Amino acid sequence: MPPIPLSEAELQVLVRKAQDGDTEAFGKVYDHYFLQVYRYTSFRSQREMVEDLVADVFVKAWEKLHTYKPRKDVPFGAWLFRIARHVIIDTYRRNREIDEMPDDLLDPDRLNHADASVAQHDLLQVVRGALDMLPRRYREILILSYVSELTHKEVARSLRMTEGGVRILKFRALRKLETFLPEEWRRRAEHGRPFGSEKRNKPRSSPFSQATDAISPSALL
C-alpha cells in the first residue's frame, strides 16, 4: 500500500525532526519521495544503475540535511531534486555510459515508424530515445514535470529558474518533443485520443502526456 501523500507543512515538520537526528522521520520523507526520485532517475540513467543512484540521492540528502533552510519559496522537494540532479551529473562525469542511449533508439526514422501496438517496454524506450534528442534543459523540465510530477514552483527552484521561465521552456520542449515522437501519437493527440485507445477522449495537453500515462509505475520499478 503506497504511503499517504504529505502536505508541504507536514514534510517540513518531518524534515525538522530528521535534522535533529530522527531517522524514523527521515524514513517517512524517503517513502514520500521514493517513487518520484526513482522515476526521475530511471529517465536519466541506465536501468542497471537506477537503484544505486536512488540510494546515493537519499544518502546524500541525509548527509546534507543540516544545510537545508526552510523557505516558503523553496519547497523541500525542489531541494531534494537539486541533489538528485547533481548526483546524476557527478556519476555521469565518472561514468560516461550514464544518460546515453543505443544509437538505434536515437534514429528519427525508427521513432517515426514505431508501431502503435508497441509493447510497454518498447514504449518506454521510445520515449527515452525521444527525450534524449532534446537539449538538456528541455529534457530536465519535462522529466521533472511529467515523470516526477513536480509543480512549476518545485521545478523552478530545482533548476534555479523563475516559474514563468519554466512554463515557457516547458511549452517549447513539448513542441520540440512532438517532432521526435511517432506520427501515430501526434495524430491521436490532435483528435483527443490517447495512445492505444480507439475511443474518443477529452483532449490531452501533448503526446508526451499520453506516453507517460501509458507507462505504469510497475514499468519503472
N, C-alpha and C. Protein backbone atom coordinates (compact mmCIF):
# COMPACT_ATOMS: atom_id res chain seq x y z
N MET A 1 0.84 -1.19 0.00
CA MET A 1 0.00 0.00 0.00
C MET A 1 0.88 1.25 0.00
N PRO A 2 0.68 2.18 -0.98
CA PRO A 2 1.53 3.35 -1.07
C PRO A 2 1.33 4.28 0.12
N PRO A 3 2.37 5.02 0.49
CA PRO A 3 2.24 5.93 1.63
C PRO A 3 1.24 7.04 1.33
N ILE A 4 0.58 7.56 2.37
CA ILE A 4 -0.36 8.66 2.19
C ILE A 4 0.43 9.93 1.86
N PRO A 5 0.04 10.65 0.79
CA PRO A 5 0.75 11.88 0.43
C PRO A 5 0.78 12.87 1.59
N LEU A 6 1.90 13.55 1.72
CA LEU A 6 2.07 14.52 2.80
C LEU A 6 2.02 15.93 2.24
N SER A 7 1.48 16.85 3.03
CA SER A 7 1.47 18.26 2.63
C SER A 7 2.86 18.84 2.86
N GLU A 8 3.12 20.00 2.28
CA GLU A 8 4.42 20.65 2.48
C GLU A 8 4.64 20.96 3.95
N ALA A 9 3.58 21.35 4.66
CA ALA A 9 3.71 21.65 6.09
C ALA A 9 4.10 20.40 6.87
N GLU A 10 3.47 19.27 6.54
CA GLU A 10 3.80 18.01 7.22
C GLU A 10 5.23 17.59 6.91
N LEU A 11 5.65 17.80 5.67
CA LEU A 11 7.01 17.46 5.28
C LEU A 11 8.02 18.30 6.06
N GLN A 12 7.71 19.58 6.22
CA GLN A 12 8.63 20.46 6.94
C GLN A 12 8.80 20.02 8.39
N VAL A 13 7.72 19.55 9.00
CA VAL A 13 7.80 19.04 10.38
C VAL A 13 8.72 17.83 10.43
N LEU A 14 8.55 16.92 9.47
CA LEU A 14 9.38 15.72 9.42
C LEU A 14 10.84 16.07 9.16
N VAL A 15 11.07 17.03 8.28
CA VAL A 15 12.44 17.43 7.96
C VAL A 15 13.12 18.01 9.19
N ARG A 16 12.41 18.84 9.94
CA ARG A 16 13.00 19.41 11.16
C ARG A 16 13.36 18.31 12.16
N LYS A 17 12.49 17.32 12.28
CA LYS A 17 12.79 16.19 13.17
C LYS A 17 14.00 15.42 12.67
N ALA A 18 14.05 15.22 11.35
CA ALA A 18 15.18 14.49 10.76
C ALA A 18 16.48 15.25 10.96
N GLN A 19 16.42 16.57 10.88
CA GLN A 19 17.61 17.39 11.11
C GLN A 19 18.12 17.25 12.55
N ASP A 20 17.22 16.87 13.44
CA ASP A 20 17.60 16.63 14.84
C ASP A 20 18.04 15.18 15.07
N GLY A 21 18.13 14.41 13.97
CA GLY A 21 18.62 13.04 14.08
C GLY A 21 17.55 11.97 14.10
N ASP A 22 16.30 12.33 13.87
CA ASP A 22 15.20 11.37 13.89
C ASP A 22 15.17 10.59 12.57
N THR A 23 15.71 9.37 12.58
CA THR A 23 15.77 8.57 11.36
C THR A 23 14.40 8.08 10.91
N GLU A 24 13.50 7.90 11.87
CA GLU A 24 12.14 7.47 11.50
C GLU A 24 11.44 8.56 10.70
N ALA A 25 11.64 9.81 11.09
CA ALA A 25 11.05 10.93 10.36
C ALA A 25 11.63 10.99 8.95
N PHE A 26 12.94 10.79 8.84
CA PHE A 26 13.55 10.80 7.51
C PHE A 26 13.03 9.65 6.67
N GLY A 27 12.75 8.53 7.31
CA GLY A 27 12.19 7.38 6.59
C GLY A 27 10.85 7.72 5.96
N LYS A 28 10.05 8.53 6.64
CA LYS A 28 8.76 8.94 6.09
C LYS A 28 8.95 9.89 4.91
N VAL A 29 9.98 10.73 5.00
CA VAL A 29 10.31 11.61 3.88
C VAL A 29 10.75 10.76 2.69
N TYR A 30 11.56 9.76 2.97
CA TYR A 30 12.02 8.82 1.94
C TYR A 30 10.83 8.15 1.26
N ASP A 31 9.89 7.65 2.05
CA ASP A 31 8.72 6.98 1.48
C ASP A 31 7.91 7.92 0.59
N HIS A 32 7.81 9.17 1.00
CA HIS A 32 7.02 10.15 0.26
C HIS A 32 7.62 10.44 -1.12
N TYR A 33 8.95 10.52 -1.17
CA TYR A 33 9.61 10.93 -2.41
C TYR A 33 10.21 9.79 -3.22
N PHE A 34 10.20 8.58 -2.69
CA PHE A 34 10.93 7.50 -3.35
C PHE A 34 10.53 7.31 -4.81
N LEU A 35 9.23 7.17 -5.08
CA LEU A 35 8.80 6.89 -6.45
C LEU A 35 9.13 8.03 -7.39
N GLN A 36 8.98 9.27 -6.93
CA GLN A 36 9.30 10.42 -7.77
C GLN A 36 10.79 10.43 -8.13
N VAL A 37 11.63 10.17 -7.14
CA VAL A 37 13.08 10.14 -7.39
C VAL A 37 13.43 8.95 -8.28
N TYR A 38 12.77 7.82 -8.04
CA TYR A 38 13.05 6.63 -8.86
C TYR A 38 12.68 6.89 -10.32
N ARG A 39 11.53 7.48 -10.55
CA ARG A 39 11.11 7.78 -11.92
C ARG A 39 12.08 8.75 -12.59
N TYR A 40 12.44 9.78 -11.88
CA TYR A 40 13.38 10.77 -12.42
C TYR A 40 14.69 10.11 -12.80
N THR A 41 15.23 9.30 -11.90
CA THR A 41 16.49 8.62 -12.15
C THR A 41 16.38 7.62 -13.28
N SER A 42 15.23 6.95 -13.40
CA SER A 42 15.02 5.96 -14.46
C SER A 42 15.13 6.59 -15.83
N PHE A 43 14.69 7.83 -15.95
CA PHE A 43 14.74 8.52 -17.24
C PHE A 43 16.07 9.21 -17.49
N ARG A 44 16.95 9.23 -16.49
CA ARG A 44 18.22 9.93 -16.64
C ARG A 44 19.42 9.01 -16.60
N SER A 45 19.19 7.68 -16.52
CA SER A 45 20.33 6.78 -16.39
C SER A 45 20.01 5.40 -16.95
N GLN A 46 21.04 4.59 -17.04
CA GLN A 46 20.87 3.21 -17.47
C GLN A 46 20.16 2.42 -16.38
N ARG A 47 19.35 1.46 -16.81
CA ARG A 47 18.48 0.73 -15.89
C ARG A 47 19.24 0.06 -14.75
N GLU A 48 20.38 -0.52 -15.06
CA GLU A 48 21.11 -1.27 -14.03
C GLU A 48 21.73 -0.36 -12.97
N MET A 49 21.74 0.94 -13.22
CA MET A 49 22.34 1.87 -12.26
C MET A 49 21.30 2.59 -11.41
N VAL A 50 20.03 2.43 -11.74
CA VAL A 50 18.98 3.22 -11.10
C VAL A 50 18.94 3.04 -9.59
N GLU A 51 18.90 1.80 -9.12
CA GLU A 51 18.77 1.55 -7.68
C GLU A 51 19.93 2.15 -6.90
N ASP A 52 21.14 2.00 -7.42
CA ASP A 52 22.30 2.58 -6.73
C ASP A 52 22.22 4.10 -6.70
N LEU A 53 21.78 4.69 -7.80
CA LEU A 53 21.68 6.14 -7.86
C LEU A 53 20.63 6.67 -6.89
N VAL A 54 19.48 5.99 -6.84
CA VAL A 54 18.43 6.41 -5.91
C VAL A 54 18.94 6.35 -4.47
N ALA A 55 19.65 5.28 -4.15
CA ALA A 55 20.23 5.16 -2.80
C ALA A 55 21.22 6.29 -2.54
N ASP A 56 22.04 6.60 -3.54
CA ASP A 56 23.02 7.69 -3.39
C ASP A 56 22.33 9.03 -3.14
N VAL A 57 21.21 9.25 -3.83
CA VAL A 57 20.47 10.51 -3.67
C VAL A 57 20.01 10.68 -2.23
N PHE A 58 19.42 9.63 -1.66
CA PHE A 58 18.90 9.76 -0.30
C PHE A 58 20.01 9.77 0.75
N VAL A 59 21.11 9.07 0.48
CA VAL A 59 22.26 9.13 1.39
C VAL A 59 22.82 10.56 1.40
N LYS A 60 22.96 11.13 0.20
CA LYS A 60 23.47 12.50 0.10
C LYS A 60 22.52 13.49 0.77
N ALA A 61 21.20 13.26 0.58
CA ALA A 61 20.21 14.14 1.21
C ALA A 61 20.33 14.08 2.73
N TRP A 62 20.52 12.89 3.27
CA TRP A 62 20.68 12.73 4.72
C TRP A 62 21.94 13.45 5.20
N GLU A 63 23.03 13.30 4.46
CA GLU A 63 24.29 13.93 4.83
C GLU A 63 24.22 15.46 4.76
N LYS A 64 23.45 15.96 3.80
CA LYS A 64 23.36 17.41 3.58
C LYS A 64 22.15 18.05 4.26
N LEU A 65 21.38 17.26 4.96
CA LEU A 65 20.11 17.75 5.51
C LEU A 65 20.30 18.96 6.42
N HIS A 66 21.43 19.00 7.10
CA HIS A 66 21.67 20.13 8.02
C HIS A 66 21.81 21.45 7.27
N THR A 67 22.07 21.38 5.96
CA THR A 67 22.24 22.61 5.18
C THR A 67 20.92 23.16 4.65
N TYR A 68 19.86 22.36 4.77
CA TYR A 68 18.56 22.81 4.25
C TYR A 68 17.94 23.84 5.18
N LYS A 69 17.55 24.96 4.61
CA LYS A 69 16.91 26.04 5.37
C LYS A 69 15.49 26.22 4.85
N PRO A 70 14.48 25.94 5.66
CA PRO A 70 13.09 26.08 5.21
C PRO A 70 12.79 27.50 4.72
N ARG A 71 12.22 27.58 3.52
CA ARG A 71 11.81 28.86 2.94
C ARG A 71 10.50 28.65 2.21
N LYS A 72 9.61 29.63 2.31
CA LYS A 72 8.31 29.49 1.67
C LYS A 72 8.42 29.33 0.16
N ASP A 73 9.44 29.97 -0.44
CA ASP A 73 9.56 29.93 -1.90
C ASP A 73 10.41 28.76 -2.39
N VAL A 74 10.89 27.91 -1.47
CA VAL A 74 11.70 26.75 -1.86
C VAL A 74 11.15 25.50 -1.18
N PRO A 75 10.24 24.77 -1.83
CA PRO A 75 9.72 23.52 -1.25
C PRO A 75 10.85 22.53 -1.03
N PHE A 76 10.67 21.64 -0.06
CA PHE A 76 11.71 20.64 0.21
C PHE A 76 11.97 19.78 -1.02
N GLY A 77 10.92 19.47 -1.78
CA GLY A 77 11.09 18.65 -2.98
C GLY A 77 12.06 19.27 -3.97
N ALA A 78 12.03 20.60 -4.09
CA ALA A 78 12.95 21.28 -5.00
C ALA A 78 14.39 21.08 -4.55
N TRP A 79 14.62 21.20 -3.24
CA TRP A 79 15.95 20.98 -2.68
C TRP A 79 16.41 19.55 -2.94
N LEU A 80 15.52 18.58 -2.73
CA LEU A 80 15.87 17.17 -2.91
C LEU A 80 16.19 16.86 -4.37
N PHE A 81 15.41 17.38 -5.29
CA PHE A 81 15.67 17.09 -6.70
C PHE A 81 16.89 17.83 -7.23
N ARG A 82 17.28 18.90 -6.58
CA ARG A 82 18.54 19.54 -6.94
C ARG A 82 19.68 18.60 -6.57
N ILE A 83 19.56 17.94 -5.43
CA ILE A 83 20.57 16.95 -5.04
C ILE A 83 20.57 15.79 -6.02
N ALA A 84 19.38 15.30 -6.38
CA ALA A 84 19.28 14.18 -7.32
C ALA A 84 19.97 14.53 -8.64
N ARG A 85 19.73 15.72 -9.12
CA ARG A 85 20.33 16.17 -10.38
C ARG A 85 21.85 16.17 -10.28
N HIS A 86 22.38 16.68 -9.18
CA HIS A 86 23.84 16.75 -9.03
C HIS A 86 24.45 15.36 -8.85
N VAL A 87 23.76 14.46 -8.16
CA VAL A 87 24.26 13.09 -8.01
C VAL A 87 24.38 12.43 -9.38
N ILE A 88 23.37 12.61 -10.22
CA ILE A 88 23.40 12.00 -11.55
C ILE A 88 24.48 12.63 -12.41
N ILE A 89 24.62 13.95 -12.36
CA ILE A 89 25.66 14.63 -13.14
C ILE A 89 27.04 14.18 -12.70
N ASP A 90 27.26 14.10 -11.39
CA ASP A 90 28.57 13.66 -10.88
C ASP A 90 28.87 12.23 -11.32
N THR A 91 27.85 11.37 -11.28
CA THR A 91 28.05 9.99 -11.71
C THR A 91 28.33 9.93 -13.20
N TYR A 92 27.65 10.77 -13.96
CA TYR A 92 27.87 10.83 -15.41
C TYR A 92 29.31 11.20 -15.71
N ARG A 93 29.84 12.11 -14.96
CA ARG A 93 31.22 12.54 -15.20
C ARG A 93 32.21 11.43 -14.91
N ARG A 94 31.84 10.56 -13.95
CA ARG A 94 32.72 9.43 -13.63
C ARG A 94 32.50 8.24 -14.56
N ASN A 95 31.30 8.15 -15.08
CA ASN A 95 30.95 7.00 -15.92
C ASN A 95 30.18 7.49 -17.13
N ARG A 96 30.83 7.54 -18.26
CA ARG A 96 30.24 8.12 -19.46
C ARG A 96 29.05 7.34 -20.01
N GLU A 97 28.79 6.13 -19.50
CA GLU A 97 27.69 5.34 -20.02
C GLU A 97 26.33 5.88 -19.59
N ILE A 98 26.29 6.54 -18.43
CA ILE A 98 25.00 7.00 -17.94
C ILE A 98 24.45 8.10 -18.85
N ASP A 99 23.13 8.10 -19.03
CA ASP A 99 22.44 9.09 -19.84
C ASP A 99 22.73 8.94 -21.32
N GLU A 100 23.27 7.81 -21.77
CA GLU A 100 23.47 7.57 -23.18
C GLU A 100 22.54 6.47 -23.62
N MET A 101 22.00 6.60 -24.85
CA MET A 101 21.06 5.62 -25.37
C MET A 101 21.69 4.92 -26.56
N PRO A 102 21.32 3.66 -26.84
CA PRO A 102 21.82 2.98 -28.03
C PRO A 102 21.49 3.78 -29.27
N ASP A 103 22.38 3.72 -30.27
CA ASP A 103 22.20 4.51 -31.49
C ASP A 103 20.87 4.27 -32.17
N ASP A 104 20.38 3.01 -32.16
CA ASP A 104 19.14 2.74 -32.88
C ASP A 104 17.94 3.43 -32.25
N LEU A 105 18.02 3.76 -30.96
CA LEU A 105 16.91 4.45 -30.30
C LEU A 105 16.95 5.95 -30.57
N LEU A 106 18.08 6.44 -31.10
CA LEU A 106 18.20 7.85 -31.39
C LEU A 106 17.95 8.13 -32.87
N ASP A 107 17.55 7.14 -33.62
CA ASP A 107 17.29 7.29 -35.04
C ASP A 107 15.88 7.82 -35.26
N PRO A 108 15.71 9.04 -35.80
CA PRO A 108 14.37 9.60 -36.01
C PRO A 108 13.49 8.72 -36.87
N ASP A 109 14.07 8.02 -37.85
CA ASP A 109 13.26 7.16 -38.71
C ASP A 109 12.64 6.03 -37.91
N ARG A 110 13.41 5.46 -36.97
CA ARG A 110 12.86 4.39 -36.14
C ARG A 110 11.72 4.92 -35.28
N LEU A 111 11.91 6.10 -34.69
CA LEU A 111 10.87 6.68 -33.86
C LEU A 111 9.63 6.99 -34.67
N ASN A 112 9.81 7.46 -35.90
CA ASN A 112 8.69 7.85 -36.75
C ASN A 112 7.86 6.66 -37.18
N HIS A 113 8.46 5.48 -37.27
CA HIS A 113 7.76 4.30 -37.76
C HIS A 113 7.41 3.32 -36.65
N ALA A 114 7.53 3.77 -35.39
CA ALA A 114 7.17 2.90 -34.28
C ALA A 114 5.70 2.52 -34.40
N ASP A 115 5.39 1.23 -34.25
CA ASP A 115 4.02 0.75 -34.39
C ASP A 115 3.19 1.13 -33.18
N ALA A 116 1.92 1.42 -33.39
CA ALA A 116 1.04 1.85 -32.30
C ALA A 116 0.82 0.76 -31.28
N SER A 117 1.07 -0.49 -31.67
CA SER A 117 0.86 -1.60 -30.76
C SER A 117 2.15 -1.98 -30.03
N VAL A 118 3.13 -1.07 -30.00
CA VAL A 118 4.41 -1.34 -29.38
C VAL A 118 4.21 -1.77 -27.92
N ALA A 119 5.01 -2.70 -27.46
CA ALA A 119 4.90 -3.18 -26.08
C ALA A 119 5.28 -2.07 -25.11
N GLN A 120 4.84 -2.20 -23.87
CA GLN A 120 5.08 -1.15 -22.88
C GLN A 120 6.57 -0.88 -22.69
N HIS A 121 7.37 -1.93 -22.68
CA HIS A 121 8.81 -1.74 -22.52
C HIS A 121 9.37 -0.95 -23.69
N ASP A 122 8.93 -1.29 -24.92
CA ASP A 122 9.40 -0.58 -26.10
C ASP A 122 8.93 0.87 -26.07
N LEU A 123 7.72 1.09 -25.58
CA LEU A 123 7.19 2.44 -25.47
C LEU A 123 8.08 3.28 -24.57
N LEU A 124 8.49 2.71 -23.46
CA LEU A 124 9.37 3.42 -22.54
C LEU A 124 10.68 3.78 -23.24
N GLN A 125 11.21 2.84 -24.02
CA GLN A 125 12.46 3.09 -24.72
C GLN A 125 12.31 4.18 -25.78
N VAL A 126 11.17 4.19 -26.48
CA VAL A 126 10.93 5.21 -27.49
C VAL A 126 10.86 6.59 -26.86
N VAL A 127 10.16 6.68 -25.72
CA VAL A 127 10.06 7.96 -25.02
C VAL A 127 11.43 8.41 -24.55
N ARG A 128 12.20 7.49 -24.01
CA ARG A 128 13.55 7.84 -23.55
C ARG A 128 14.40 8.31 -24.73
N GLY A 129 14.28 7.60 -25.86
CA GLY A 129 15.05 7.98 -27.04
C GLY A 129 14.68 9.37 -27.53
N ALA A 130 13.38 9.66 -27.54
CA ALA A 130 12.92 10.98 -27.98
C ALA A 130 13.42 12.07 -27.02
N LEU A 131 13.33 11.80 -25.73
CA LEU A 131 13.81 12.76 -24.74
C LEU A 131 15.29 13.04 -24.90
N ASP A 132 16.04 11.99 -25.25
CA ASP A 132 17.48 12.13 -25.34
C ASP A 132 17.90 13.05 -26.49
N MET A 133 16.99 13.28 -27.45
CA MET A 133 17.30 14.17 -28.56
C MET A 133 17.13 15.64 -28.19
N LEU A 134 16.47 15.90 -27.09
CA LEU A 134 16.21 17.27 -26.69
C LEU A 134 17.42 17.91 -26.02
N PRO A 135 17.50 19.24 -26.06
CA PRO A 135 18.53 19.93 -25.28
C PRO A 135 18.36 19.56 -23.81
N ARG A 136 19.45 19.56 -23.08
CA ARG A 136 19.43 19.08 -21.70
C ARG A 136 18.40 19.81 -20.83
N ARG A 137 18.29 21.12 -20.95
CA ARG A 137 17.36 21.87 -20.10
C ARG A 137 15.91 21.51 -20.42
N TYR A 138 15.59 21.32 -21.72
CA TYR A 138 14.25 20.88 -22.09
C TYR A 138 13.94 19.53 -21.46
N ARG A 139 14.91 18.63 -21.55
CA ARG A 139 14.72 17.26 -21.03
C ARG A 139 14.49 17.28 -19.52
N GLU A 140 15.27 18.08 -18.83
CA GLU A 140 15.14 18.17 -17.38
C GLU A 140 13.74 18.65 -16.99
N ILE A 141 13.25 19.68 -17.67
CA ILE A 141 11.95 20.25 -17.32
C ILE A 141 10.83 19.24 -17.56
N LEU A 142 10.88 18.52 -18.67
CA LEU A 142 9.82 17.54 -18.96
C LEU A 142 9.86 16.37 -17.98
N ILE A 143 11.04 15.89 -17.65
CA ILE A 143 11.14 14.75 -16.73
C ILE A 143 10.67 15.15 -15.33
N LEU A 144 11.10 16.31 -14.87
CA LEU A 144 10.67 16.76 -13.54
C LEU A 144 9.17 17.02 -13.50
N SER A 145 8.62 17.55 -14.59
CA SER A 145 7.19 17.90 -14.62
C SER A 145 6.29 16.70 -14.78
N TYR A 146 6.62 15.81 -15.72
CA TYR A 146 5.71 14.72 -16.07
C TYR A 146 6.06 13.39 -15.42
N VAL A 147 7.34 13.11 -15.28
CA VAL A 147 7.75 11.83 -14.72
C VAL A 147 7.76 11.90 -13.19
N SER A 148 8.39 12.93 -12.65
CA SER A 148 8.43 13.08 -11.19
C SER A 148 7.24 13.86 -10.66
N GLU A 149 6.47 14.47 -11.55
CA GLU A 149 5.22 15.17 -11.20
C GLU A 149 5.44 16.30 -10.21
N LEU A 150 6.50 17.08 -10.41
CA LEU A 150 6.73 18.24 -9.57
C LEU A 150 5.88 19.41 -10.08
N THR A 151 5.58 20.34 -9.20
CA THR A 151 4.86 21.54 -9.59
C THR A 151 5.81 22.49 -10.31
N HIS A 152 5.24 23.51 -10.97
CA HIS A 152 6.08 24.51 -11.63
C HIS A 152 7.02 25.16 -10.62
N LYS A 153 6.51 25.40 -9.43
CA LYS A 153 7.32 26.03 -8.39
C LYS A 153 8.50 25.14 -8.00
N GLU A 154 8.24 23.85 -7.84
CA GLU A 154 9.31 22.92 -7.45
C GLU A 154 10.33 22.77 -8.57
N VAL A 155 9.86 22.70 -9.82
CA VAL A 155 10.78 22.60 -10.96
C VAL A 155 11.65 23.85 -11.02
N ALA A 156 11.02 25.01 -10.86
CA ALA A 156 11.75 26.28 -10.93
C ALA A 156 12.85 26.34 -9.88
N ARG A 157 12.52 25.95 -8.66
CA ARG A 157 13.53 26.02 -7.59
C ARG A 157 14.61 24.96 -7.79
N SER A 158 14.24 23.81 -8.33
CA SER A 158 15.23 22.75 -8.57
C SER A 158 16.26 23.19 -9.60
N LEU A 159 15.81 23.91 -10.63
CA LEU A 159 16.68 24.31 -11.72
C LEU A 159 17.14 25.77 -11.61
N ARG A 160 16.77 26.42 -10.49
CA ARG A 160 17.13 27.82 -10.25
C ARG A 160 16.62 28.72 -11.39
N MET A 161 15.35 28.59 -11.68
CA MET A 161 14.68 29.39 -12.71
C MET A 161 13.46 30.06 -12.11
N THR A 162 12.84 30.95 -12.88
CA THR A 162 11.56 31.52 -12.47
C THR A 162 10.45 30.58 -12.93
N GLU A 163 9.29 30.66 -12.28
CA GLU A 163 8.16 29.82 -12.70
C GLU A 163 7.72 30.17 -14.11
N GLY A 164 7.78 31.45 -14.46
CA GLY A 164 7.43 31.86 -15.82
C GLY A 164 8.38 31.25 -16.83
N GLY A 165 9.66 31.22 -16.49
CA GLY A 165 10.65 30.61 -17.38
C GLY A 165 10.40 29.13 -17.58
N VAL A 166 10.00 28.45 -16.50
CA VAL A 166 9.69 27.02 -16.59
C VAL A 166 8.51 26.80 -17.54
N ARG A 167 7.47 27.61 -17.41
CA ARG A 167 6.28 27.45 -18.26
C ARG A 167 6.64 27.64 -19.74
N ILE A 168 7.45 28.65 -20.03
CA ILE A 168 7.82 28.93 -21.41
C ILE A 168 8.66 27.79 -21.98
N LEU A 169 9.69 27.36 -21.24
CA LEU A 169 10.55 26.29 -21.74
C LEU A 169 9.81 24.97 -21.82
N LYS A 170 8.87 24.74 -20.91
CA LYS A 170 8.08 23.51 -20.95
C LYS A 170 7.24 23.47 -22.22
N PHE A 171 6.63 24.58 -22.59
CA PHE A 171 5.84 24.66 -23.82
C PHE A 171 6.73 24.39 -25.03
N ARG A 172 7.89 25.03 -25.08
CA ARG A 172 8.81 24.84 -26.20
C ARG A 172 9.31 23.40 -26.26
N ALA A 173 9.59 22.84 -25.08
CA ALA A 173 10.10 21.46 -25.03
C ALA A 173 9.06 20.47 -25.55
N LEU A 174 7.79 20.67 -25.19
CA LEU A 174 6.73 19.79 -25.66
C LEU A 174 6.58 19.87 -27.17
N ARG A 175 6.63 21.09 -27.70
CA ARG A 175 6.51 21.25 -29.15
C ARG A 175 7.69 20.57 -29.86
N LYS A 176 8.88 20.71 -29.29
CA LYS A 176 10.06 20.09 -29.89
C LYS A 176 9.98 18.57 -29.80
N LEU A 177 9.53 18.07 -28.65
CA LEU A 177 9.45 16.63 -28.45
C LEU A 177 8.48 15.99 -29.43
N GLU A 178 7.40 16.69 -29.76
CA GLU A 178 6.41 16.14 -30.68
C GLU A 178 7.02 15.76 -32.01
N THR A 179 8.05 16.49 -32.43
CA THR A 179 8.67 16.20 -33.73
C THR A 179 9.46 14.90 -33.70
N PHE A 180 9.79 14.40 -32.50
CA PHE A 180 10.56 13.17 -32.38
C PHE A 180 9.70 11.95 -32.05
N LEU A 181 8.42 12.15 -31.75
CA LEU A 181 7.55 11.03 -31.41
C LEU A 181 6.87 10.48 -32.66
N PRO A 182 6.45 9.22 -32.63
CA PRO A 182 5.81 8.59 -33.78
C PRO A 182 4.61 9.38 -34.29
N GLU A 183 4.42 9.39 -35.61
CA GLU A 183 3.33 10.13 -36.22
C GLU A 183 1.97 9.71 -35.66
N GLU A 184 1.83 8.41 -35.34
CA GLU A 184 0.56 7.91 -34.83
C GLU A 184 0.17 8.62 -33.55
N TRP A 185 1.14 8.88 -32.69
CA TRP A 185 0.84 9.57 -31.43
C TRP A 185 0.37 10.99 -31.69
N ARG A 186 1.02 11.68 -32.66
CA ARG A 186 0.64 13.06 -32.95
C ARG A 186 -0.77 13.13 -33.52
N ARG A 187 -1.10 12.18 -34.39
CA ARG A 187 -2.45 12.18 -34.97
C ARG A 187 -3.50 11.94 -33.90
N ARG A 188 -3.23 11.01 -32.99
CA ARG A 188 -4.19 10.71 -31.93
C ARG A 188 -4.34 11.90 -30.99
N ALA A 189 -3.25 12.59 -30.71
CA ALA A 189 -3.32 13.74 -29.81
C ALA A 189 -4.19 14.84 -30.41
N GLU A 190 -4.09 15.03 -31.74
CA GLU A 190 -4.88 16.06 -32.41
C GLU A 190 -6.37 15.78 -32.31
N HIS A 191 -6.73 14.49 -32.22
CA HIS A 191 -8.14 14.10 -32.15
C HIS A 191 -8.58 13.76 -30.72
N GLY A 192 -7.70 14.04 -29.76
CA GLY A 192 -8.06 13.79 -28.36
C GLY A 192 -8.15 12.33 -28.02
N ARG A 193 -7.42 11.45 -28.73
CA ARG A 193 -7.47 10.02 -28.45
C ARG A 193 -6.17 9.58 -27.83
N PRO A 194 -6.20 8.96 -26.66
CA PRO A 194 -4.98 8.52 -26.00
C PRO A 194 -4.34 7.37 -26.74
N PHE A 195 -3.03 7.24 -26.55
CA PHE A 195 -2.29 6.15 -27.18
C PHE A 195 -2.88 4.80 -26.82
N GLY A 196 -3.10 3.96 -27.83
CA GLY A 196 -3.59 2.61 -27.59
C GLY A 196 -5.08 2.53 -27.42
N SER A 197 -5.83 3.62 -27.66
CA SER A 197 -7.28 3.60 -27.49
C SER A 197 -7.97 3.95 -28.79
N GLU A 198 -9.09 3.28 -29.06
CA GLU A 198 -9.87 3.57 -30.24
C GLU A 198 -11.03 4.49 -29.92
N LYS A 199 -11.25 4.81 -28.63
CA LYS A 199 -12.36 5.64 -28.23
C LYS A 199 -11.92 7.09 -28.13
N ARG A 200 -12.83 7.97 -28.51
CA ARG A 200 -12.55 9.38 -28.42
C ARG A 200 -12.51 9.79 -26.96
N ASN A 201 -11.58 10.62 -26.62
CA ASN A 201 -11.42 11.05 -25.23
C ASN A 201 -11.24 12.56 -25.21
N LYS A 202 -11.24 13.14 -24.04
CA LYS A 202 -11.02 14.58 -23.95
C LYS A 202 -9.60 14.90 -24.40
N PRO A 203 -9.38 16.08 -24.99
CA PRO A 203 -8.06 16.43 -25.49
C PRO A 203 -7.01 16.38 -24.40
N ARG A 204 -5.82 15.95 -24.76
CA ARG A 204 -4.71 15.91 -23.83
C ARG A 204 -3.76 17.05 -24.16
N SER A 205 -2.89 17.39 -23.24
CA SER A 205 -2.01 18.52 -23.45
C SER A 205 -0.93 18.23 -24.48
N SER A 206 -0.52 16.98 -24.61
CA SER A 206 0.55 16.66 -25.55
C SER A 206 0.68 15.16 -25.70
N PRO A 207 1.33 14.70 -26.81
CA PRO A 207 1.61 13.28 -26.95
C PRO A 207 2.48 12.77 -25.81
N PHE A 208 3.33 13.64 -25.25
CA PHE A 208 4.19 13.19 -24.15
C PHE A 208 3.37 12.81 -22.94
N SER A 209 2.27 13.55 -22.69
CA SER A 209 1.39 13.20 -21.58
C SER A 209 0.83 11.81 -21.79
N GLN A 210 0.43 11.51 -23.03
CA GLN A 210 -0.12 10.20 -23.33
C GLN A 210 0.93 9.12 -23.15
N ALA A 211 2.15 9.41 -23.57
CA ALA A 211 3.21 8.42 -23.45
C ALA A 211 3.52 8.10 -22.00
N THR A 212 3.63 9.14 -21.17
CA THR A 212 3.95 8.91 -19.77
C THR A 212 2.77 8.26 -19.04
N ASP A 213 1.54 8.60 -19.43
CA ASP A 213 0.37 7.97 -18.83
C ASP A 213 0.35 6.48 -19.13
N ALA A 214 0.86 6.10 -20.30
CA ALA A 214 0.84 4.70 -20.71
C ALA A 214 1.85 3.86 -19.96
N ILE A 215 2.77 4.53 -19.26
CA ILE A 215 3.81 3.83 -18.51
C ILE A 215 3.41 3.77 -17.05
N SER A 216 3.06 2.60 -16.58
CA SER A 216 2.65 2.44 -15.18
C SER A 216 3.88 2.44 -14.29
N PRO A 217 3.70 2.76 -13.00
CA PRO A 217 4.84 2.73 -12.08
C PRO A 217 5.56 1.39 -12.09
N SER A 218 4.81 0.30 -12.30
CA SER A 218 5.44 -1.03 -12.30
C SER A 218 6.40 -1.19 -13.46
N ALA A 219 6.22 -0.40 -14.51
CA ALA A 219 7.14 -0.48 -15.64
C ALA A 219 8.48 0.13 -15.31
N LEU A 220 8.48 1.00 -14.29
CA LEU A 220 9.72 1.66 -13.90
C LEU A 220 10.39 0.97 -12.73
N LEU A 221 9.63 0.16 -12.00
CA LEU A 221 10.17 -0.49 -10.80
C LEU A 221 10.62 -1.90 -11.09
